[in-house]
Amino acid sequence: MTKLTGKQGRFLKGLGHHLNPVVMVGKEEVTPALLTSLDEALTVHELIKVRVQEGCVMDRKEVAALLAKESGAAVVQVLGRTILLYRPAEERKIELP
């Protein structure tokens, strides 16, 4: 799992502000199919938003921690029902400060 400094976290929050959620966690919660799509999205985009829908019984912070652990990503932010995740790709698109 990637560790971020405060400065890097603020930088990524700024970049993630305008993103739309690309992965939705619903009442089935975290499934292998969801983890596959999460992994693909992180590989392509590096920084993604995940939306925790109303039907999900897990706590949003638990979902964030589980997704980060399973994908090797860093949780940048949990705001409301939205989780911002970052994982650097092999060919980095985002240069961290």
Protein backbone atom coordinates (compact mmCIF):
# COMPACT_ATOMS: atom_id res chain seq x y z
CA MET A 1 0.00 0.00 0.00
CA THR A 2 1.26 3.43 -0.93
CA LYS A 3 1.86 5.93 1.87
CA LEU A 4 1.21 9.58 1.08
CA THR A 5 2.59 12.70 2.71
CA GLY A 6 0.23 15.52 3.69
CA LYS A 7 1.35 17.57 0.70
CA GLN A 8 0.76 14.67 -1.71
CA GLY A 9 -2.67 14.02 -0.18
CA ARG A 10 -3.72 17.65 -0.66
CA PHE A 11 -2.42 17.61 -4.24
CA LEU A 12 -4.40 14.43 -5.05
CA LYS A 13 -7.57 15.76 -3.38
CA GLY A 14 -7.34 18.77 -5.68
CA LEU A 15 -6.97 16.55 -8.74
CA GLY A 16 -9.76 14.23 -7.63
CA HIS A 17 -12.28 16.98 -6.93
CA HIS A 18 -13.67 17.02 -10.49
CA LEU A 19 -13.63 13.26 -11.06
CA ASN A 20 -16.81 11.20 -11.35
CA PRO A 21 -17.09 7.87 -9.51
CA VAL A 22 -16.00 4.97 -11.74
CA VAL A 23 -16.66 2.10 -9.29
CA MET A 24 -19.84 1.63 -7.26
CA VAL A 25 -20.04 -0.46 -4.07
CA GLY A 26 -23.64 -1.64 -3.66
CA LYS A 27 -25.53 -4.09 -1.49
CA GLU A 28 -23.34 -7.01 -2.69
CA GLU A 29 -20.46 -5.09 -1.10
CA VAL A 30 -16.91 -6.04 -2.10
CA THR A 31 -16.98 -8.91 -4.62
CA PRO A 32 -14.20 -10.39 -6.78
CA ALA A 33 -15.81 -8.72 -9.83
CA LEU A 34 -15.76 -5.35 -8.06
CA LEU A 35 -12.08 -5.81 -7.14
CA THR A 36 -11.29 -6.67 -10.78
CA SER A 37 -12.97 -3.51 -12.08
CA LEU A 38 -11.28 -1.48 -9.31
CA ASP A 39 -7.88 -2.86 -10.32
CA GLU A 40 -8.52 -2.06 -14.01
CA ALA A 41 -9.67 1.49 -13.18
CA LEU A 42 -6.60 2.14 -11.00
CA THR A 43 -4.29 0.77 -13.69
CA VAL A 44 -5.77 3.11 -16.29
CA HIS A 45 -6.41 6.25 -14.21
CA GLU A 46 -4.18 6.01 -11.07
CA LEU A 47 -6.62 8.28 -9.16
CA ILE A 48 -10.27 7.21 -8.97
CA LYS A 49 -13.44 7.88 -7.04
CA VAL A 50 -15.49 5.03 -5.59
CA ARG A 51 -19.12 5.60 -4.58
CA VAL A 52 -20.57 3.64 -1.64
CA GLN A 53 -24.27 3.30 -2.42
CA GLU A 54 -27.14 3.41 0.08
CA GLY A 55 -27.66 -0.39 0.03
CA CYS A 56 -24.15 -1.15 1.29
CA VAL A 57 -24.24 -2.29 4.93
CA MET A 58 -20.49 -1.98 5.54
CA ASP A 59 -19.16 1.24 7.05
CA ARG A 60 -17.66 3.52 4.38
CA LYS A 61 -14.30 3.67 6.18
CA GLU A 62 -14.20 -0.15 6.36
CA VAL A 63 -14.95 -0.29 2.62
CA ALA A 64 -12.15 2.21 1.92
CA ALA A 65 -9.63 0.24 4.02
CA LEU A 66 -10.63 -3.07 2.42
CA LEU A 67 -10.44 -1.70 -1.14
CA ALA A 68 -7.05 -0.11 -0.42
CA LYS A 69 -5.71 -3.33 1.08
CA GLU A 70 -6.98 -5.53 -1.75
CA SER A 71 -5.80 -3.21 -4.55
CA GLY A 72 -2.55 -1.93 -3.04
CA ALA A 73 -3.84 1.64 -3.31
CA ALA A 74 -3.75 4.51 -0.85
CA VAL A 75 -6.92 6.05 0.56
CA VAL A 76 -6.59 9.74 -0.24
CA GLN A 77 -9.95 10.79 1.19
CA VAL A 78 -13.28 9.49 2.46
CA LEU A 79 -15.86 12.24 2.07
CA GLY A 80 -19.49 11.33 2.62
CA ARG A 81 -20.13 8.21 0.58
CA THR A 82 -17.25 8.89 -1.81
CA ILE A 83 -13.79 7.34 -1.52
CA LEU A 84 -10.77 8.70 -3.39
CA LEU A 85 -8.08 6.07 -4.09
CA TYR A 86 -4.61 6.47 -5.61
CA ARG A 87 -2.21 3.84 -6.90
CA PRO A 88 0.75 4.81 -9.11
CA ALA A 89 0.87 3.03 -12.47
CA GLU A 90 4.00 1.57 -14.07
CA GLU A 91 4.05 4.57 -16.42
CA ARG A 92 3.04 7.36 -14.09
CA LYS A 93 0.58 9.96 -15.37
CA ILE A 94 0.45 11.89 -12.08
CA GLU A 95 3.70 13.35 -10.75
CA LEU A 96 3.41 13.78 -6.99
CA PRO A 97 5.03 16.81 -5.32
